[in-house]
Protein backbone atom coordinates (compact mmCIF):
# COMPACT_ATOMS: atom_id res chain seq x y z
CA MET A 1 77.10 101.09 55.35
CA ILE A 2 74.10 103.33 55.89
CA THR A 3 73.49 105.98 53.26
CA GLY A 4 70.55 107.86 51.73
CA GLY A 5 68.16 109.91 53.83
CA ALA A 6 69.42 108.58 57.15
CA ALA A 7 72.99 109.65 56.37
CA ALA A 8 71.76 113.01 55.01
CA ILE A 9 69.99 113.57 58.33
CA VAL A 10 73.22 112.94 60.25
CA TYR A 11 75.30 115.27 58.05
CA GLY A 12 72.60 117.79 57.17
CA GLU A 13 69.34 118.53 58.92
CA PRO A 14 66.54 116.49 60.44
CA ARG A 15 63.76 115.46 58.07
CA LEU A 16 61.49 112.51 57.53
CA THR A 17 62.52 109.53 55.44
CA ASN A 18 60.36 106.55 54.61
CA ASP A 19 63.07 103.92 54.24
CA GLY A 20 66.64 103.06 55.02
CA ASP A 21 69.33 102.80 52.36
CA VAL A 22 72.25 100.44 52.86
CA VAL A 23 75.25 99.42 50.76
CA LEU A 24 76.39 95.86 51.29
CA ALA A 25 79.59 94.25 50.00
CA MET A 26 78.11 90.85 49.18
CA GLN A 27 79.18 87.99 46.96
CA PRO A 28 77.02 85.03 45.86
CA GLU A 29 78.79 82.85 48.43
CA ASP A 30 77.56 85.23 51.18
CA VAL A 31 73.86 84.65 50.45
CA MET A 32 73.19 82.13 53.21
CA GLN A 33 74.90 84.30 55.81
CA VAL A 34 72.90 87.36 54.70
CA ALA A 35 69.64 85.40 54.67
CA ALA A 36 70.38 84.09 58.17
CA ALA A 37 71.05 87.63 59.42
CA PHE A 38 67.51 88.62 58.44
CA GLU A 39 65.91 85.36 59.52
CA SER A 40 62.82 86.25 61.54
CA ALA A 41 59.11 85.62 61.30
CA ASP A 42 58.69 89.42 61.34
CA THR A 43 61.08 90.16 58.47
CA ASN A 44 60.38 89.74 54.77
CA VAL A 45 63.52 89.11 52.74
CA PRO A 46 63.66 87.78 49.17
CA PRO A 47 64.25 84.05 48.62
CA THR A 48 67.88 82.95 48.52
CA GLU A 49 67.62 82.39 44.75
CA VAL A 50 66.83 86.08 44.28
CA LEU A 51 69.64 87.09 46.64
CA GLU A 52 72.06 84.94 44.60
CA ILE A 53 71.01 86.68 41.36
CA GLU A 54 71.36 90.14 42.89
CA ALA A 55 74.70 89.33 44.55
CA ALA A 56 76.07 88.15 41.19
CA ARG A 57 75.31 91.48 39.48
CA ARG A 58 78.41 93.61 38.98
CA THR A 59 76.28 96.77 38.97
CA HIS A 60 72.86 97.70 40.30
CA GLY A 61 72.36 94.62 42.49
CA HIS A 62 69.54 95.37 44.91
CA PHE A 63 67.00 93.82 47.23
CA ILE A 64 64.48 95.05 49.79
CA VAL A 65 63.99 93.91 53.39
CA ILE A 66 60.72 94.77 55.15
CA HIS A 67 59.97 94.48 58.85
CA GLY A 68 56.33 93.33 58.89
CA PRO A 69 55.03 94.72 62.18
CA THR A 70 56.37 98.24 61.54
CA SER A 71 56.47 98.21 57.71
CA LEU A 72 59.97 99.70 57.95
CA ARG A 73 61.87 99.08 54.75
CA ALA A 74 65.55 98.84 53.90
CA ASP A 75 66.76 99.17 50.33
CA VAL A 76 69.94 97.11 50.16
CA ASN A 77 72.29 98.00 47.30
CA ILE A 78 75.00 95.49 46.45
CA ALA A 79 78.42 97.15 46.11
CA GLY A 80 79.46 95.08 43.06
CA ASP A 81 82.10 96.76 40.90
CA ASP A 82 80.90 100.35 41.39
CA PRO A 83 83.94 102.55 42.16
CA LEU A 84 81.79 104.92 44.23
CA HIS A 85 80.60 102.06 46.44
CA ALA A 86 84.20 100.85 46.85
CA TRP A 87 85.39 104.37 47.69
CA GLY A 88 82.60 104.88 50.24
CA LEU A 89 82.99 101.50 51.91
CA ALA A 90 86.72 102.07 52.32
CA ARG A 91 86.01 105.41 54.04
CA ARG A 92 82.86 104.66 56.02
CA ARG A 93 82.61 106.10 59.49
CA LEU A 94 81.60 104.34 62.66
CA LEU A 95 78.74 105.96 64.51
CA ARG A 96 77.64 104.89 67.98
CA VAL A 97 73.85 104.62 68.27
CA GLY A 98 72.92 103.52 71.77
CA GLU A 99 74.87 100.32 72.27
CA LEU A 100 75.30 99.66 68.56
CA ASP A 101 78.11 100.72 66.23
CA VAL A 102 76.86 101.41 62.71
CA SER A 103 78.80 102.18 59.54
CA LEU A 104 77.82 105.48 57.95
CA ALA A 105 78.72 106.48 54.41
CA PRO A 106 81.05 109.48 54.18
CA PRO A 107 79.41 112.80 53.20
CA GLU A 108 81.09 112.81 49.76
CA TYR A 109 79.49 109.44 48.96
CA VAL A 110 76.09 110.59 50.23
CA THR A 111 76.36 113.75 48.11
CA VAL A 112 77.17 111.89 44.88
CA ARG A 113 74.36 109.36 45.48
CA LYS A 114 71.96 112.25 46.15
CA LEU A 115 73.04 113.76 42.81
CA GLU A 116 72.24 110.43 41.14
CA TYR A 117 68.81 110.27 42.80
CA ALA A 118 68.08 113.86 41.72
CA SER A 119 69.07 113.03 38.12
CA GLN A 120 66.56 110.16 38.15
CA GLY A 121 63.69 112.50 38.91
CA GLY A 122 63.89 112.41 42.68
CA GLY A 123 62.76 116.01 43.05
CA ASP A 124 64.54 118.87 44.74
CA ARG A 125 64.66 117.16 48.15
CA HIS A 126 68.00 115.56 47.21
CA LEU A 127 69.50 118.90 46.18
CA ARG A 128 68.25 120.41 49.46
CA ASP A 129 69.90 117.53 51.36
CA ILE A 130 73.17 118.27 49.57
CA ALA A 131 72.90 122.00 50.30
CA ARG A 132 72.37 121.32 54.02
CA ILE A 133 75.29 118.85 54.13
CA LEU A 134 77.56 121.46 52.55
CA GLU A 135 76.18 124.26 54.73
CA ARG A 136 76.49 122.48 58.06
CA ARG A 137 79.81 120.72 57.38
CA LEU A 138 79.51 118.52 60.44
CA ALA A 139 82.27 116.41 58.95
CA PRO A 140 85.20 117.39 56.70
CA ILE A 141 84.08 117.31 53.06
CA ASP A 142 86.40 116.87 50.07
CA VAL A 143 84.57 118.78 47.32
CA GLU A 144 87.22 117.72 44.78
CA VAL A 145 86.26 114.06 45.28
CA ILE A 146 82.60 114.97 44.78
CA SER A 147 83.47 116.96 41.64
CA GLU A 148 85.46 114.05 40.20
CA PHE A 149 82.71 111.47 40.80
CA ALA A 150 80.02 113.89 39.61
CA SER A 151 81.91 114.62 36.41
CA ALA A 152 82.63 110.93 35.74
CA ARG A 153 78.91 110.13 36.17
CA GLY A 154 77.63 113.01 34.03
CA LEU A 155 76.31 114.89 37.07
CA GLY A 156 78.48 118.01 36.87
CA GLY A 157 75.57 120.34 36.11
CA LEU A 158 73.52 119.03 39.02
CA TRP A 159 76.54 119.32 41.29
CA GLN A 160 76.86 123.01 40.35
CA ALA A 161 73.12 123.49 40.93
CA ALA A 162 73.33 121.84 44.34
CA ARG A 163 76.20 124.10 45.35
CA THR A 164 74.09 127.18 44.64
CA GLN A 165 70.93 126.00 46.45
CA PRO A 166 69.67 128.63 48.92
């Protein structure tokens, strides 16, 4: 499912983003299929040995895919055992883009991930994204779910700050 800045743009307001963020439910036995999906002379993807290591991580599995000619980059986060990833994947939304259906993370998931990014020193851009998502409410938003995940992840203070952003 697509998340990060691209999802914040859909739910919030247009802005620039320099990469794509994706969550992928991937097991070590899926490595060859994933590698084949990105197989192209124009695409840089880590070796299968690296993909196997990342797919085996229960938390924080991650790899990067880069399209050479455009330098476009996708940060691929492995779902692993993270309850937020599981919650988001179960509630992802299909979005039609041209002739392609893409899975988009729900706004609650995007909000909690933006809180995490902000807590890691990501600047106020993430809090602004959250404020615009809450302000525009282009999709129904369950603030109780956000509060529960934020509290469980030690992000309650940031969540309150985001809710009071001008």
